C-alpha atoms as a PDB file:
ATOM      1  CA  UNK A   1      25.601  57.533  12.621  1.00  0.00           C
ATOM      2  CA  UNK A   2      24.441  53.330  12.767  1.00  0.00           C
ATOM      3  CA  UNK A   3      21.947  51.131  15.013  1.00  0.00           C
ATOM      4  CA  UNK A   4      22.429  47.772  15.680  1.00  0.00           C
ATOM      5  CA  UNK A   5      21.134  45.371  17.765  1.00  0.00           C
ATOM      6  CA  UNK A   6      22.344  42.278  17.056  1.00  0.00           C
ATOM      7  CA  UNK A   7      25.604  41.263  19.159  1.00  0.00           C
ATOM      8  CA  UNK A   8      27.290  39.220  16.135  1.00  0.00           C
ATOM      9  CA  UNK A   9      26.884  41.868  13.502  1.00  0.00           C
ATOM     10  CA  UNK A  10      28.620  45.016  16.129  1.00  0.00           C
ATOM     11  CA  UNK A  11      31.224  42.131  16.497  1.00  0.00           C
ATOM     12  CA  UNK A  12      31.437  42.069  12.325  1.00  0.00           C
ATOM     13  CA  UNK A  13      31.710  45.360  12.233  1.00  0.00           C
ATOM     14  CA  UNK A  14      34.528  45.946  15.059  1.00  0.00           C
ATOM     15  CA  UNK A  15      36.084  43.776  13.532  1.00  0.00           C
ATOM     16  CA  UNK A  16      36.169  44.991   9.738  1.00  0.00           C
ATOM     17  CA  UNK A  17      37.244  48.392  12.218  1.00  0.00           C
ATOM     18  CA  UNK A  18      39.657  46.826  13.700  1.00  0.00           C
ATOM     19  CA  UNK A  19      41.543  45.119  10.434  1.00  0.00           C
ATOM     20  CA  UNK A  20      40.944  48.881   8.581  1.00  0.00           C
ATOM     21  CA  UNK A  21      43.295  49.341  11.307  1.00  0.00           C
ATOM     22  CA  UNK A  22      40.362  52.824  13.108  1.00  0.00           C
ATOM     23  CA  UNK A  23      41.141  52.587  16.814  1.00  0.00           C
ATOM     24  CA  UNK A  24      37.488  51.289  18.091  1.00  0.00           C
ATOM     25  CA  UNK A  25      36.712  53.833  21.702  1.00  0.00           C
ATOM     26  CA  UNK A  26      33.151  52.935  23.014  1.00  0.00           C
ATOM     27  CA  UNK A  27      31.138  54.392  26.148  1.00  0.00           C
ATOM     28  CA  UNK A  28      29.118  52.238  27.643  1.00  0.00           C
ATOM     29  CA  UNK A  29      25.374  53.840  28.491  1.00  0.00           C
ATOM     30  CA  UNK A  30      21.992  53.162  29.765  1.00  0.00           C
ATOM     31  CA  UNK A  31      20.447  55.447  27.893  1.00  0.00           C
ATOM     32  CA  UNK A  32      18.615  58.828  28.618  1.00  0.00           C
ATOM     33  CA  UNK A  33      20.752  60.107  28.039  1.00  0.00           C
ATOM     34  CA  UNK A  34      22.197  64.060  29.872  1.00  0.00           C
ATOM     35  CA  UNK A  35      24.863  66.657  29.256  1.00  0.00           C
ATOM     36  CA  UNK A  36      27.632  64.636  30.736  1.00  0.00           C
ATOM     37  CA  UNK A  37      27.553  60.941  29.087  1.00  0.00           C
ATOM     38  CA  UNK A  38      28.134  64.113  26.062  1.00  0.00           C
ATOM     39  CA  UNK A  39      31.715  64.465  27.593  1.00  0.00           C
ATOM     40  CA  UNK A  40      32.305  60.872  27.412  1.00  0.00           C
ATOM     41  CA  UNK A  41      31.065  60.665  23.667  1.00  0.00           C
ATOM     42  CA  UNK A  42      34.028  63.977  23.144  1.00  0.00           C
ATOM     43  CA  UNK A  43      36.230  62.231  25.060  1.00  0.00           C
ATOM     44  CA  UNK A  44      37.049  58.919  22.920  1.00  0.00           C
ATOM     45  CA  UNK A  45      35.705  61.278  20.137  1.00  0.00           C
ATOM     46  CA  UNK A  46      38.848  61.796  20.149  1.00  0.00           C
ATOM     47  CA  UNK A  47      41.022  59.234  21.328  1.00  0.00           C
ATOM     48  CA  UNK A  48      39.312  57.400  18.913  1.00  0.00           C
ATOM     49  CA  UNK A  49      38.601  57.301  14.609  1.00  0.00           C
ATOM     50  CA  UNK A  50      34.788  54.612  15.599  1.00  0.00           C
ATOM     51  CA  UNK A  51      33.054  55.908  18.196  1.00  0.00           C
ATOM     52  CA  UNK A  52      31.079  53.522  19.572  1.00  0.00           C
ATOM     53  CA  UNK A  53      28.239  54.161  21.706  1.00  0.00           C
ATOM     54  CA  UNK A  54      26.087  50.766  23.782  1.00  0.00           C
ATOM     55  CA  UNK A  55      22.435  51.772  24.981  1.00  0.00           C
ATOM     56  CA  UNK A  56      21.393  49.215  26.657  1.00  0.00           C
ATOM     57  CA  UNK A  57      19.332  49.012  30.447  1.00  0.00           C
ATOM     58  CA  UNK A  58      21.286  46.177  32.308  1.00  0.00           C
ATOM     59  CA  UNK A  59      18.639  44.035  33.672  1.00  0.00           C
ATOM     60  CA  UNK A  60      21.508  42.346  35.229  1.00  0.00           C
ATOM     61  CA  UNK A  61      21.936  45.376  37.722  1.00  0.00           C
ATOM     62  CA  UNK A  62      19.218  46.006  39.194  1.00  0.00           C
ATOM     63  CA  UNK A  63      18.777  44.118  42.400  1.00  0.00           C
ATOM     64  CA  UNK A  64      14.408  42.895  43.123  1.00  0.00           C
ATOM     65  CA  UNK A  65      12.736  46.444  43.469  1.00  0.00           C
ATOM     66  CA  UNK A  66      14.400  48.489  42.036  1.00  0.00           C
ATOM     67  CA  UNK A  67      13.827  51.328  39.293  1.00  0.00           C
ATOM     68  CA  UNK A  68      13.891  48.786  36.072  1.00  0.00           C
ATOM     69  CA  UNK A  69      10.538  48.860  34.443  1.00  0.00           C
ATOM     70  CA  UNK A  70      10.843  52.289  35.290  1.00  0.00           C
ATOM     71  CA  UNK A  71      14.357  53.631  35.034  1.00  0.00           C
ATOM     72  CA  UNK A  72      14.046  56.962  31.530  1.00  0.00           C
ATOM     73  CA  UNK A  73      14.452  55.822  28.786  1.00  0.00           C
ATOM     74  CA  UNK A  74      14.285  57.897  25.230  1.00  0.00           C
ATOM     75  CA  UNK A  75      16.085  56.668  22.724  1.00  0.00           C
ATOM     76  CA  UNK A  76      14.742  58.621  19.648  1.00  0.00           C
ATOM     77  CA  UNK A  77      15.843  61.619  21.972  1.00  0.00           C
ATOM     78  CA  UNK A  78      19.709  59.822  22.649  1.00  0.00           C
ATOM     79  CA  UNK A  79      20.271  59.324  18.724  1.00  0.00           C
ATOM     80  CA  UNK A  80      19.934  63.258  18.077  1.00  0.00           C
ATOM     81  CA  UNK A  81      22.351  64.211  20.796  1.00  0.00           C
ATOM     82  CA  UNK A  82      24.877  61.612  19.946  1.00  0.00           C
ATOM     83  CA  UNK A  83      24.216  62.250  16.197  1.00  0.00           C
ATOM     84  CA  UNK A  84      25.681  65.653  17.492  1.00  0.00           C
ATOM     85  CA  UNK A  85      28.756  63.987  19.200  1.00  0.00           C
ATOM     86  CA  UNK A  86      29.467  62.954  16.357  1.00  0.00           C
ATOM     87  CA  UNK A  87      28.714  59.234  17.421  1.00  0.00           C
ATOM     88  CA  UNK A  88      29.897  56.110  14.240  1.00  0.00           C
ATOM     89  CA  UNK A  89      27.172  53.213  16.218  1.00  0.00           C
ATOM     90  CA  UNK A  90      24.665  52.995  18.436  1.00  0.00           C
ATOM     91  CA  UNK A  91      24.294  49.375  19.603  1.00  0.00           C
ATOM     92  CA  UNK A  92      21.348  49.136  20.940  1.00  0.00           C
ATOM     93  CA  UNK A  93      19.905  45.534  21.782  1.00  0.00           C
ATOM     94  CA  UNK A  94      18.026  43.937  23.925  1.00  0.00           C
ATOM     95  CA  UNK A  95      18.128  42.139  26.784  1.00  0.00           C
ATOM     96  CA  UNK A  96      16.781  38.597  25.414  1.00  0.00           C
ATOM     97  CA  UNK A  97      19.753  39.650  23.235  1.00  0.00           C
ATOM     98  CA  UNK A  98      22.130  39.879  25.283  1.00  0.00           C
ATOM     99  CA  UNK A  99      21.652  37.193  27.137  1.00  0.00           C
ATOM    100  CA  UNK A 100      20.290  33.341  27.030  1.00  0.00           C
ATOM    101  CA  UNK A 101      18.306  31.548  29.380  1.00  0.00           C
ATOM    102  CA  UNK A 102      19.914  29.191  30.842  1.00  0.00           C
ATOM    103  CA  UNK A 103      22.734  32.068  31.176  1.00  0.00           C
ATOM    104  CA  UNK A 104      24.852  31.354  34.712  1.00  0.00           C
ATOM    105  CA  UNK A 105      28.141  32.401  34.572  1.00  0.00           C
ATOM    106  CA  UNK A 106      29.892  35.668  35.707  1.00  0.00           C
ATOM    107  CA  UNK A 107      32.684  38.739  35.896  1.00  0.00           C
ATOM    108  CA  UNK A 108      32.127  39.432  39.675  1.00  0.00           C
ATOM    109  CA  UNK A 109      35.229  41.957  40.555  1.00  0.00           C
ATOM    110  CA  UNK A 110      36.014  41.149  43.709  1.00  0.00           C
ATOM    111  CA  UNK A 111      36.588  42.739  47.319  1.00  0.00           C
ATOM    112  CA  UNK A 112      36.624  46.447  45.365  1.00  0.00           C
ATOM    113  CA  UNK A 113      32.686  46.215  44.986  1.00  0.00           C
ATOM    114  CA  UNK A 114      32.183  44.638  48.970  1.00  0.00           C
ATOM    115  CA  UNK A 115      31.127  47.964  50.674  1.00  0.00           C
ATOM    116  CA  UNK A 116      30.346  51.783  49.154  1.00  0.00           C
ATOM    117  CA  UNK A 117      26.758  50.613  46.991  1.00  0.00           C
ATOM    118  CA  UNK A 118      27.868  47.902  47.111  1.00  0.00           C
ATOM    119  CA  UNK A 119      27.553  46.731  49.961  1.00  0.00           C
ATOM    120  CA  UNK A 120      23.823  48.029  49.499  1.00  0.00           C
ATOM    121  CA  UNK A 121      22.740  47.075  46.565  1.00  0.00           C
ATOM    122  CA  UNK A 122      23.695  43.003  46.410  1.00  0.00           C
ATOM    123  CA  UNK A 123      24.329  41.999  43.104  1.00  0.00           C
ATOM    124  CA  UNK A 124      24.754  45.036  41.376  1.00  0.00           C
ATOM    125  CA  UNK A 125      28.070  44.801  41.049  1.00  0.00           C
ATOM    126  CA  UNK A 126      28.261  42.258  39.585  1.00  0.00           C
ATOM    127  CA  UNK A 127      25.820  42.358  36.904  1.00  0.00           C
ATOM    128  CA  UNK A 128      27.951  45.600  36.042  1.00  0.00           C
ATOM    129  CA  UNK A 129      30.403  43.466  35.678  1.00  0.00           C
ATOM    130  CA  UNK A 130      29.465  41.246  33.453  1.00  0.00           C
ATOM    131  CA  UNK A 131      28.292  43.148  31.110  1.00  0.00           C
ATOM    132  CA  UNK A 132      30.540  45.551  30.264  1.00  0.00           C
ATOM    133  CA  UNK A 133      32.681  42.289  29.415  1.00  0.00           C
ATOM    134  CA  UNK A 134      29.910  41.015  27.382  1.00  0.00           C
ATOM    135  CA  UNK A 135      31.009  44.569  25.651  1.00  0.00           C
ATOM    136  CA  UNK A 136      33.890  44.471  25.742  1.00  0.00           C
ATOM    137  CA  UNK A 137      33.979  40.699  23.335  1.00  0.00           C
ATOM    138  CA  UNK A 138      31.570  42.543  21.816  1.00  0.00           C
ATOM    139  CA  UNK A 139      32.464  45.192  20.713  1.00  0.00           C
ATOM    140  CA  UNK A 140      36.539  44.944  20.863  1.00  0.00           C
ATOM    141  CA  UNK A 141      37.167  48.307  21.720  1.00  0.00           C
ATOM    142  CA  UNK A 142      40.711  49.892  22.198  1.00  0.00           C
ATOM    143  CA  UNK A 143      39.094  51.625  25.303  1.00  0.00           C
ATOM    144  CA  UNK A 144      36.232  52.353  26.750  1.00  0.00           C
ATOM    145  CA  UNK A 145      35.280  55.766  28.588  1.00  0.00           C
ATOM    146  CA  UNK A 146      33.502  55.785  31.715  1.00  0.00           C
ATOM    147  CA  UNK A 147      32.522  58.783  34.412  1.00  0.00           C
ATOM    148  CA  UNK A 148      33.858  59.210  38.075  1.00  0.00           C
ATOM    149  CA  UNK A 149      30.441  59.486  39.106  1.00  0.00           C
ATOM    150  CA  UNK A 150      30.571  55.869  40.008  1.00  0.00           C
ATOM    151  CA  UNK A 151      34.140  55.747  40.805  1.00  0.00           C
ATOM    152  CA  UNK A 152      33.698  52.059  42.667  1.00  0.00           C
ATOM    153  CA  UNK A 153      32.363  50.571  39.370  1.00  0.00           C
ATOM    154  CA  UNK A 154      34.996  52.509  37.305  1.00  0.00           C
ATOM    155  CA  UNK A 155      37.729  50.561  39.792  1.00  0.00           C
ATOM    156  CA  UNK A 156      35.697  47.884  39.292  1.00  0.00           C
ATOM    157  CA  UNK A 157      36.137  47.884  35.618  1.00  0.00           C
ATOM    158  CA  UNK A 158      39.924  48.772  36.341  1.00  0.00           C
ATOM    159  CA  UNK A 159      40.723  46.035  38.278  1.00  0.00           C
ATOM    160  CA  UNK A 160      38.525  43.265  35.898  1.00  0.00           C
ATOM    161  CA  UNK A 161      40.592  44.298  32.552  1.00  0.00           C
ATOM    162  CA  UNK A 162      43.632  44.058  34.910  1.00  0.00           C
ATOM    163  CA  UNK A 163      42.609  40.571  37.005  1.00  0.00           C
ATOM    164  CA  UNK A 164      41.615  39.434  33.147  1.00  0.00           C
ATOM    165  CA  UNK A 165      43.733  40.751  31.021  1.00  0.00           C
ATOM    166  CA  UNK A 166      41.391  42.371  28.259  1.00  0.00           C
ATOM    167  CA  UNK A 167      43.064  44.309  25.649  1.00  0.00           C
ATOM    168  CA  UNK A 168      40.800  47.744  26.841  1.00  0.00           C
ATOM    169  CA  UNK A 169      42.365  51.086  27.965  1.00  0.00           C
ATOM    170  CA  UNK A 170      39.596  52.806  30.389  1.00  0.00           C
ATOM    171  CA  UNK A 171      39.392  56.123  30.967  1.00  0.00           C
ATOM    172  CA  UNK A 172      38.007  58.343  33.459  1.00  0.00           C
ATOM    173  CA  UNK A 173      36.085  60.972  33.564  1.00  0.00           C
ATOM    174  CA  UNK A 174      36.014  64.290  36.093  1.00  0.00           C
ATOM    175  CA  UNK A 175      32.166  63.987  36.983  1.00  0.00           C
ATOM    176  CA  UNK A 176      30.029  66.759  35.711  1.00  0.00           C
ATOM    177  CA  UNK A 177      27.978  69.623  37.677  1.00  0.00           C
ATOM    178  CA  UNK A 178      25.371  71.017  36.920  1.00  0.00           C
ATOM    179  CA  UNK A 179      26.149  74.926  37.642  1.00  0.00           C
ATOM    180  CA  UNK A 180      24.110  75.032  41.283  1.00  0.00           C
ATOM    181  CA  UNK A 181      27.557  71.691  41.731  1.00  0.00           C
ATOM    182  CA  UNK A 182      24.467  68.557  41.514  1.00  0.00           C
ATOM    183  CA  UNK A 183      26.081  65.870  39.731  1.00  0.00           C
ATOM    184  CA  UNK A 184      24.620  64.638  36.523  1.00  0.00           C
ATOM    185  CA  UNK A 185      22.526  61.174  36.489  1.00  0.00           C
ATOM    186  CA  UNK A 186      19.690  60.595  35.135  1.00  0.00           C
ATOM    187  CA  UNK A 187      18.078  59.383  37.695  1.00  0.00           C
ATOM    188  CA  UNK A 188      18.101  63.388  37.943  1.00  0.00           C
ATOM    189  CA  UNK A 189      14.750  63.594  35.814  1.00  0.00           C
ATOM    190  CA  UNK A 190      12.736  61.501  39.173  1.00  0.00           C
ATOM    191  CA  UNK A 191      13.175  64.490  41.822  1.00  0.00           C
ATOM    192  CA  UNK A 192      10.413  66.824  41.889  1.00  0.00           C
ATOM    193  CA  UNK A 193      11.720  71.146  42.222  1.00  0.00           C
ATOM    194  CA  UNK A 194      11.043  70.819  45.513  1.00  0.00           C
ATOM    195  CA  UNK A 195      13.568  67.203  45.924  1.00  0.00           C
ATOM    196  CA  UNK A 196      16.316  69.207  43.239  1.00  0.00           C
ATOM    197  CA  UNK A 197      16.657  71.319  45.732  1.00  0.00           C
ATOM    198  CA  UNK A 198      16.565  68.881  48.587  1.00  0.00           C
ATOM    199  CA  UNK A 199      19.251  66.988  46.588  1.00  0.00           C
ATOM    200  CA  UNK A 200      22.223  70.239  46.699  1.00  0.00           C
ATOM    201  CA  UNK A 201      22.922  68.793  50.190  1.00  0.00           C
ATOM    202  CA  UNK A 202      24.784  66.084  48.479  1.00  0.00           C
ATOM    203  CA  UNK A 203      27.618  68.054  46.960  1.00  0.00           C
ATOM    204  CA  UNK A 204      27.594  70.802  49.810  1.00  0.00           C
ATOM    205  CA  UNK A 205      28.489  68.033  52.049  1.00  0.00           C
ATOM    206  CA  UNK A 206      31.391  67.246  49.433  1.00  0.00           C
ATOM    207  CA  UNK A 207      32.496  70.276  49.877  1.00  0.00           C
ATOM    208  CA  UNK A 208      32.175  70.796  53.194  1.00  0.00           C
ATOM    209  CA  UNK A 209      34.768  67.469  53.096  1.00  0.00           C
ATOM    210  CA  UNK A 210      36.718  69.766  50.974  1.00  0.00           C
ATOM    211  CA  UNK A 211      37.316  72.063  53.430  1.00  0.00           C
ATOM    212  CA  UNK A 212      38.092  69.977  55.871  1.00  0.00           C
ATOM    213  CA  UNK A 213      40.471  68.450  54.477  1.00  0.00           C
ATOM    214  CA  UNK A 214      42.370  71.427  53.709  1.00  0.00           C
ATOM    215  CA  UNK A 215      42.268  73.131  57.185  1.00  0.00           C
ATOM    216  CA  UNK A 216      41.904  70.895  59.595  1.00  0.00           C
ATOM    217  CA  UNK A 217      43.552  67.155  58.057  1.00  0.00           C
ATOM    218  CA  UNK A 218      42.745  65.548  61.467  1.00  0.00           C
ATOM    219  CA  UNK A 219      41.498  61.710  60.418  1.00  0.00           C
ATOM    220  CA  UNK A 220      39.474  60.342  57.423  1.00  0.00           C
ATOM    221  CA  UNK A 221      36.123  60.158  60.424  1.00  0.00           C
ATOM    222  CA  UNK A 222      35.707  64.005  61.019  1.00  0.00           C
ATOM    223  CA  UNK A 223      36.343  64.543  57.366  1.00  0.00           C
ATOM    224  CA  UNK A 224      33.324  61.781  56.709  1.00  0.00           C
ATOM    225  CA  UNK A 225      31.736  64.029  59.675  1.00  0.00           C
ATOM    226  CA  UNK A 226      31.621  67.659  58.058  1.00  0.00           C
ATOM    227  CA  UNK A 227      29.745  65.845  55.283  1.00  0.00           C
ATOM    228  CA  UNK A 228      27.358  63.916  56.893  1.00  0.00           C
ATOM    229  CA  UNK A 229      26.856  67.308  59.811  1.00  0.00           C
ATOM    230  CA  UNK A 230      26.228  68.524  56.588  1.00  0.00           C
ATOM    231  CA  UNK A 231      23.650  65.954  55.348  1.00  0.00           C
ATOM    232  CA  UNK A 232      21.800  65.502  58.569  1.00  0.00           C
ATOM    233  CA  UNK A 233      20.776  69.514  58.287  1.00  0.00           C
ATOM    234  CA  UNK A 234      18.175  68.512  55.159  1.00  0.00           C
ATOM    235  CA  UNK A 235      15.279  66.909  56.633  1.00  0.00           C
ATOM    236  CA  UNK A 236      14.881  65.709  52.843  1.00  0.00           C
ATOM    237  CA  UNK A 237      17.783  63.919  52.074  1.00  0.00           C
ATOM    238  CA  UNK A 238      17.846  60.554  53.883  1.00  0.00           C
ATOM    239  CA  UNK A 239      20.911  58.631  54.251  1.00  0.00           C
ATOM    240  CA  UNK A 240      22.459  55.847  52.950  1.00  0.00           C
ATOM    241  CA  UNK A 241      26.176  55.782  53.761  1.00  0.00           C
ATOM    242  CA  UNK A 242      28.845  58.854  54.292  1.00  0.00           C
ATOM    243  CA  UNK A 243      32.323  57.132  53.891  1.00  0.00           C
ATOM    244  CA  UNK A 244      36.116  58.275  53.905  1.00  0.00           C
ATOM    245  CA  UNK A 245      37.519  55.315  51.202  1.00  0.00           C
ATOM    246  CA  UNK A 246      41.017  55.231  49.780  1.00  0.00           C
ATOM    247  CA  UNK A 247      40.895  56.274  47.055  1.00  0.00           C
ATOM    248  CA  UNK A 248      42.742  53.671  44.918  1.00  0.00           C
ATOM    249  CA  UNK A 249      41.763  50.354  46.668  1.00  0.00           C
ATOM    250  CA  UNK A 250      37.794  51.399  47.847  1.00  0.00           C
ATOM    251  CA  UNK A 251      40.035  49.980  50.819  1.00  0.00           C
ATOM    252  CA  UNK A 252      38.393  51.820  55.068  1.00  0.00           C
ATOM    253  CA  UNK A 253      40.669  53.284  57.817  1.00  0.00           C
ATOM    254  CA  UNK A 254      42.403  54.993  54.252  1.00  0.00           C
ATOM    255  CA  UNK A 255      45.154  57.401  55.323  1.00  0.00           C
ATOM    256  CA  UNK A 256      45.505  60.648  54.462  1.00  0.00           C
ATOM    257  CA  UNK A 257      49.048  61.262  52.260  1.00  0.00           C
ATOM    258  CA  UNK A 258      47.380  59.054  50.388  1.00  0.00           C
ATOM    259  CA  UNK A 259      44.666  60.232  47.867  1.00  0.00           C
ATOM    260  CA  UNK A 260      41.134  59.263  50.011  1.00  0.00           C
ATOM    261  CA  UNK A 261      37.227  58.695  48.200  1.00  0.00           C
ATOM    262  CA  UNK A 262      34.636  60.519  50.383  1.00  0.00           C
ATOM    263  CA  UNK A 263      30.981  58.529  48.374  1.00  0.00           C
ATOM    264  CA  UNK A 264      27.275  59.322  49.529  1.00  0.00           C
ATOM    265  CA  UNK A 265      24.962  57.478  48.951  1.00  0.00           C
ATOM    266  CA  UNK A 266      21.339  59.012  50.357  1.00  0.00           C
ATOM    267  CA  UNK A 267      17.656  58.411  48.769  1.00  0.00           C
ATOM    268  CA  UNK A 268      15.698  62.218  48.172  1.00  0.00           C
ATOM    269  CA  UNK A 269      12.260  61.633  47.950  1.00  0.00           C
ATOM    270  CA  UNK A 270      12.543  58.066  45.943  1.00  0.00           C
ATOM    271  CA  UNK A 271      15.169  58.432  44.453  1.00  0.00           C
ATOM    272  CA  UNK A 272      18.562  57.357  45.660  1.00  0.00           C
ATOM    273  CA  UNK A 273      21.617  59.443  44.539  1.00  0.00           C
ATOM    274  CA  UNK A 274      24.955  58.632  44.876  1.00  0.00           C
ATOM    275  CA  UNK A 275      28.041  61.814  44.541  1.00  0.00           C
ATOM    276  CA  UNK A 276      31.247  61.471  45.443  1.00  0.00           C
ATOM    277  CA  UNK A 277      35.233  63.901  45.622  1.00  0.00           C
ATOM    278  CA  UNK A 278      38.628  63.048  46.037  1.00  0.00           C
ATOM    279  CA  UNK A 279      40.579  64.601  47.971  1.00  0.00           C
ATOM    280  CA  UNK A 280      44.412  64.442  46.990  1.00  0.00           C
ATOM    281  CA  UNK A 281      47.018  64.674  50.377  1.00  0.00           C
END
């Protein structure tokens, strides 16, 4: 496994690999890896002959007062985990290498980013789609792997790829959970033991939504209410939103004749957590 920090060097490596007939897979991450990330890596490994993992805490997707400075980082540990996959290349640039001081160009995926997390984190998805577009241009992957836990991010990237004709296949991977149901996240490291127990309310709420949808699927609002009721029972959980939207377009007022996404964002202590489930007709 080699580590590359220069975008130009990464592009030269990628162009050489493509000329040699290799199939490049990319798994973009912000580091502080866990088994959920490694599941993405293993899928990328199966689908490609050269696997690149990027580790880049992207400042452009953090808003004022968010946790950019304290976002957990452990590069040596991450590399040890990636070697076991194995990953071929770790692309780990510094922010100054990715953004010039006078950079003013952005990629915006439009309406699909306006609701859910987009309504609560202005500018977040513009930062995400911009950095992913840059990674696609630098790494030149044939395929890129993304987890469904960040479901709105996944849909925004898929839309960007379609709208801008990126020649890259997007591979979604289902949410990876702890044995007790908590969705794996780097931000789980912030949780105290008590908060960790409180955080289970998110997956329990989604289980309640799934059961309501299975037994009495009258309307999306009732399914959302079933999830909300579970969250409100937990004093340590502050709800940011619980919504049911069309799983493809993320538009509100979904039809139960189509797959719907039940998405949750909540704060447990000072930690913002997200989770979701897609319910099929």
